[in-house]
Amino acid sequence: FDLGLLRIMLQHEINGAEDESEFDYDDGGPKGPSRWGELKEEWRACKTGEMQSPIDVSSRTVDVIPNFAGLTRNYKPSNATIVNRGHDISLKWVGDAGSVRINGTDYDLQQCHWHSPSEHTPATVSRRQIDLLGEAVDD
């Protein structure tokens, strides 16, 4: 891990977080996860969808495929901006950071972010909360 990157992350933490007041992670609150699907029309899948996170990954039902031929990573070095968004630390690439190909479809890497602890309740592996959750966002 690069100490310069850590210093930037800590400095940004001291300087404050990006305001994301459209939603929050208070499960019982009016803008919490159980209400996300009602906050904006484009978020309605958060209420009615069946294939979005959080997903409990059960070690009893997961098949590990060590050499999955349908997945090809084509990521490459690119400049990026790091942002403390309050609920996570986000790394957003500037320009072409590459892509991942899944079953013949390319998805361009847009950003990744980390939550500590995981923000989902539960964001779990076999019902144990994850201390650090990293997510890559490809579009």
C-alpha atoms as a PDB file:
ATOM      1  CA  PHE A   1       0.000   0.000   0.000  1.00  0.00           C
ATOM      2  CA  ASP A   2       1.418   3.386  -0.998  1.00  0.00           C
ATOM      3  CA  LEU A   3       1.977   5.695   2.003  1.00  0.00           C
ATOM      4  CA  GLY A   4       1.429   8.746  -0.205  1.00  0.00           C
ATOM      5  CA  LEU A   5      -2.051   7.488  -1.060  1.00  0.00           C
ATOM      6  CA  LEU A   6      -2.763   6.886   2.632  1.00  0.00           C
ATOM      7  CA  ARG A   7      -1.648  10.439   3.454  1.00  0.00           C
ATOM      8  CA  ILE A   8      -3.980  11.844   0.769  1.00  0.00           C
ATOM      9  CA  MET A   9      -6.857   9.749   2.103  1.00  0.00           C
ATOM     10  CA  LEU A  10      -6.275  10.931   5.672  1.00  0.00           C
ATOM     11  CA  GLN A  11      -5.908  14.575   4.629  1.00  0.00           C
ATOM     12  CA  HIS A  12      -9.167  14.383   2.724  1.00  0.00           C
ATOM     13  CA  GLU A  13     -10.822  12.827   5.779  1.00  0.00           C
ATOM     14  CA  ILE A  14      -9.713  15.810   7.856  1.00  0.00           C
ATOM     15  CA  ASN A  15     -10.962  18.297   5.251  1.00  0.00           C
ATOM     16  CA  GLY A  16     -14.475  16.870   5.238  1.00  0.00           C
ATOM     17  CA  ALA A  17     -16.775  14.612   3.318  1.00  0.00           C
ATOM     18  CA  GLU A  18     -18.776  15.099   0.171  1.00  0.00           C
ATOM     19  CA  ASP A  19     -22.428  15.922   0.869  1.00  0.00           C
ATOM     20  CA  GLU A  20     -24.690  13.090  -0.201  1.00  0.00           C
ATOM     21  CA  SER A  21     -27.953  14.121   1.424  1.00  0.00           C
ATOM     22  CA  GLU A  22     -30.255  12.312  -1.038  1.00  0.00           C
ATOM     23  CA  PHE A  23     -29.901   9.063   0.918  1.00  0.00           C
ATOM     24  CA  ASP A  24     -28.276   7.688   4.042  1.00  0.00           C
ATOM     25  CA  TYR A  25     -27.535   4.373   5.740  1.00  0.00           C
ATOM     26  CA  ASP A  26     -29.829   4.755   8.762  1.00  0.00           C
ATOM     27  CA  ASP A  27     -31.975   1.615   8.464  1.00  0.00           C
ATOM     28  CA  GLY A  28     -34.888   3.172  10.352  1.00  0.00           C
ATOM     29  CA  GLY A  29     -34.640   6.641   8.829  1.00  0.00           C
ATOM     30  CA  PRO A  30     -36.701   8.260   6.059  1.00  0.00           C
ATOM     31  CA  LYS A  31     -33.747   8.137   3.625  1.00  0.00           C
ATOM     32  CA  GLY A  32     -32.367   4.760   4.745  1.00  0.00           C
ATOM     33  CA  PRO A  33     -31.866   1.568   2.694  1.00  0.00           C
ATOM     34  CA  SER A  34     -35.439   0.330   3.184  1.00  0.00           C
ATOM     35  CA  ARG A  35     -36.738   3.566   1.576  1.00  0.00           C
ATOM     36  CA  TRP A  36     -34.205   4.020  -1.268  1.00  0.00           C
ATOM     37  CA  GLY A  37     -36.641   2.682  -3.871  1.00  0.00           C
ATOM     38  CA  GLU A  38     -39.099   5.450  -2.980  1.00  0.00           C
ATOM     39  CA  LEU A  39     -36.676   8.383  -3.030  1.00  0.00           C
ATOM     40  CA  LYS A  40     -36.144   8.635  -6.799  1.00  0.00           C
ATOM     41  CA  GLU A  41     -37.845   7.046  -9.774  1.00  0.00           C
ATOM     42  CA  GLU A  42     -34.534   5.744 -11.140  1.00  0.00           C
ATOM     43  CA  TRP A  43     -33.894   3.987  -7.811  1.00  0.00           C
ATOM     44  CA  ARG A  44     -37.161   1.973  -7.856  1.00  0.00           C
ATOM     45  CA  ALA A  45     -35.253  -1.303  -8.415  1.00  0.00           C
ATOM     46  CA  CYS A  46     -33.922  -0.861  -4.865  1.00  0.00           C
ATOM     47  CA  LYS A  47     -37.475  -1.658  -3.720  1.00  0.00           C
ATOM     48  CA  THR A  48     -38.706  -4.172  -6.295  1.00  0.00           C
ATOM     49  CA  GLY A  49     -35.525  -5.683  -7.720  1.00  0.00           C
ATOM     50  CA  GLU A  50     -34.225  -9.109  -6.845  1.00  0.00           C
ATOM     51  CA  MET A  51     -30.644  -8.992  -8.163  1.00  0.00           C
ATOM     52  CA  GLN A  52     -29.008  -6.007  -6.453  1.00  0.00           C
ATOM     53  CA  SER A  53     -26.892  -5.802  -3.325  1.00  0.00           C
ATOM     54  CA  PRO A  54     -26.771  -6.439  -0.477  1.00  0.00           C
ATOM     55  CA  ILE A  55     -26.620 -10.159  -1.129  1.00  0.00           C
ATOM     56  CA  ASP A  56     -25.741 -12.632   1.596  1.00  0.00           C
ATOM     57  CA  VAL A  57     -23.053 -14.906   0.187  1.00  0.00           C
ATOM     58  CA  SER A  58     -23.486 -18.292   1.822  1.00  0.00           C
ATOM     59  CA  SER A  59     -20.424 -20.516   1.781  1.00  0.00           C
ATOM     60  CA  ARG A  60     -22.804 -23.484   1.450  1.00  0.00           C
ATOM     61  CA  THR A  61     -24.385 -22.287  -1.816  1.00  0.00           C
ATOM     62  CA  VAL A  62     -21.440 -20.688  -3.634  1.00  0.00           C
ATOM     63  CA  ASP A  63     -19.531 -22.640  -6.259  1.00  0.00           C
ATOM     64  CA  VAL A  64     -15.913 -21.541  -6.619  1.00  0.00           C
ATOM     65  CA  ILE A  65     -14.818 -21.631 -10.259  1.00  0.00           C
ATOM     66  CA  PRO A  66     -11.050 -20.996 -10.117  1.00  0.00           C
ATOM     67  CA  ASN A  67     -10.529 -20.611 -13.880  1.00  0.00           C
ATOM     68  CA  PHE A  68     -13.819 -19.095 -15.074  1.00  0.00           C
ATOM     69  CA  ALA A  69     -13.307 -18.669 -18.826  1.00  0.00           C
ATOM     70  CA  GLY A  70     -16.148 -16.144 -19.158  1.00  0.00           C
ATOM     71  CA  LEU A  71     -14.277 -13.440 -17.224  1.00  0.00           C
ATOM     72  CA  THR A  72     -11.386 -11.439 -18.686  1.00  0.00           C
ATOM     73  CA  ARG A  73      -9.917  -8.431 -16.881  1.00  0.00           C
ATOM     74  CA  ASN A  74      -8.417  -5.721 -19.105  1.00  0.00           C
ATOM     75  CA  TYR A  75      -7.702  -3.010 -16.528  1.00  0.00           C
ATOM     76  CA  LYS A  76      -4.817  -0.579 -17.070  1.00  0.00           C
ATOM     77  CA  PRO A  77      -3.068   2.278 -15.254  1.00  0.00           C
ATOM     78  CA  SER A  78      -4.939   5.580 -15.335  1.00  0.00           C
ATOM     79  CA  ASN A  79      -5.062   8.839 -13.378  1.00  0.00           C
ATOM     80  CA  ALA A  80      -7.735   8.944 -10.699  1.00  0.00           C
ATOM     81  CA  THR A  81      -9.300  11.191  -8.078  1.00  0.00           C
ATOM     82  CA  ILE A  82      -9.913  10.035  -4.519  1.00  0.00           C
ATOM     83  CA  VAL A  83     -12.980  11.365  -2.688  1.00  0.00           C
ATOM     84  CA  ASN A  84     -14.244  10.904   0.861  1.00  0.00           C
ATOM     85  CA  ARG A  85     -18.012  10.684   0.399  1.00  0.00           C
ATOM     86  CA  GLY A  86     -18.714  10.305   4.106  1.00  0.00           C
ATOM     87  CA  HIS A  87     -19.995   6.744   3.928  1.00  0.00           C
ATOM     88  CA  ASP A  88     -17.065   5.487   1.840  1.00  0.00           C
ATOM     89  CA  ILE A  89     -13.779   6.373   0.138  1.00  0.00           C
ATOM     90  CA  SER A  90     -14.147   6.485  -3.656  1.00  0.00           C
ATOM     91  CA  LEU A  91     -11.515   6.272  -6.380  1.00  0.00           C
ATOM     92  CA  LYS A  92     -12.799   7.612  -9.729  1.00  0.00           C
ATOM     93  CA  TRP A  93     -10.688   7.170 -12.836  1.00  0.00           C
ATOM     94  CA  VAL A  94     -10.066   9.950 -15.350  1.00  0.00           C
ATOM     95  CA  GLY A  95      -9.980   8.609 -18.888  1.00  0.00           C
ATOM     96  CA  ASP A  96      -9.765   4.980 -19.913  1.00  0.00           C
ATOM     97  CA  ALA A  97      -8.957   2.678 -16.988  1.00  0.00           C
ATOM     98  CA  GLY A  98      -9.787  -0.445 -18.951  1.00  0.00           C
ATOM     99  CA  SER A  99     -12.618  -2.905 -18.622  1.00  0.00           C
ATOM    100  CA  VAL A 100     -13.749  -6.345 -17.644  1.00  0.00           C
ATOM    101  CA  ARG A 101     -15.332  -8.721 -20.155  1.00  0.00           C
ATOM    102  CA  ILE A 102     -18.014 -11.040 -18.796  1.00  0.00           C
ATOM    103  CA  ASN A 103     -19.426 -13.645 -21.172  1.00  0.00           C
ATOM    104  CA  GLY A 104     -18.483 -11.508 -24.183  1.00  0.00           C
ATOM    105  CA  THR A 105     -19.786  -8.145 -22.905  1.00  0.00           C
ATOM    106  CA  ASP A 106     -17.301  -5.373 -22.012  1.00  0.00           C
ATOM    107  CA  TYR A 107     -17.888  -3.204 -18.930  1.00  0.00           C
ATOM    108  CA  ASP A 108     -15.698  -0.076 -18.574  1.00  0.00           C
ATOM    109  CA  LEU A 109     -14.217   0.558 -15.126  1.00  0.00           C
ATOM    110  CA  GLN A 110     -15.661   3.800 -13.746  1.00  0.00           C
ATOM    111  CA  GLN A 111     -14.719   3.817 -10.074  1.00  0.00           C
ATOM    112  CA  CYS A 112     -14.217   1.723  -6.986  1.00  0.00           C
ATOM    113  CA  HIS A 113     -14.968   2.435  -3.376  1.00  0.00           C
ATOM    114  CA  TRP A 114     -14.445   0.975   0.082  1.00  0.00           C
ATOM    115  CA  HIS A 115     -16.704   0.878   3.141  1.00  0.00           C
ATOM    116  CA  SER A 116     -15.369   0.078   6.619  1.00  0.00           C
ATOM    117  CA  PRO A 117     -17.246  -1.570   8.121  1.00  0.00           C
ATOM    118  CA  SER A 118     -19.517  -2.646   5.308  1.00  0.00           C
ATOM    119  CA  GLU A 119     -22.555  -0.379   5.047  1.00  0.00           C
ATOM    120  CA  HIS A 120     -25.041  -3.107   4.158  1.00  0.00           C
ATOM    121  CA  THR A 121     -27.059  -4.786   6.868  1.00  0.00           C
ATOM    122  CA  PRO A 122     -26.251  -7.494   6.405  1.00  0.00           C
ATOM    123  CA  ALA A 123     -23.323  -7.284   3.999  1.00  0.00           C
ATOM    124  CA  THR A 124     -22.174 -10.677   4.909  1.00  0.00           C
ATOM    125  CA  VAL A 125     -20.466 -13.864   4.039  1.00  0.00           C
ATOM    126  CA  SER A 126     -22.435 -16.591   5.778  1.00  0.00           C
ATOM    127  CA  ARG A 127     -24.185 -13.940   7.929  1.00  0.00           C
ATOM    128  CA  ARG A 128     -20.943 -12.402   9.302  1.00  0.00           C
ATOM    129  CA  GLN A 129     -20.531  -8.659   8.720  1.00  0.00           C
ATOM    130  CA  ILE A 130     -17.514  -7.765   6.593  1.00  0.00           C
ATOM    131  CA  ASP A 131     -14.940  -5.410   8.157  1.00  0.00           C
ATOM    132  CA  LEU A 132     -13.907  -3.865   4.824  1.00  0.00           C
ATOM    133  CA  LEU A 133     -16.028  -4.039   1.688  1.00  0.00           C
ATOM    134  CA  GLY A 134     -14.559  -3.024  -1.681  1.00  0.00           C
ATOM    135  CA  GLU A 135     -16.694  -2.543  -4.784  1.00  0.00           C
ATOM    136  CA  ALA A 136     -15.616  -1.980  -8.391  1.00  0.00           C
ATOM    137  CA  VAL A 137     -18.152  -0.118 -10.550  1.00  0.00           C
ATOM    138  CA  ASP A 138     -18.045  -1.075 -14.228  1.00  0.00           C
ATOM    139  CA  ASP A 139     -20.542   0.239 -16.767  1.00  0.00           C
END
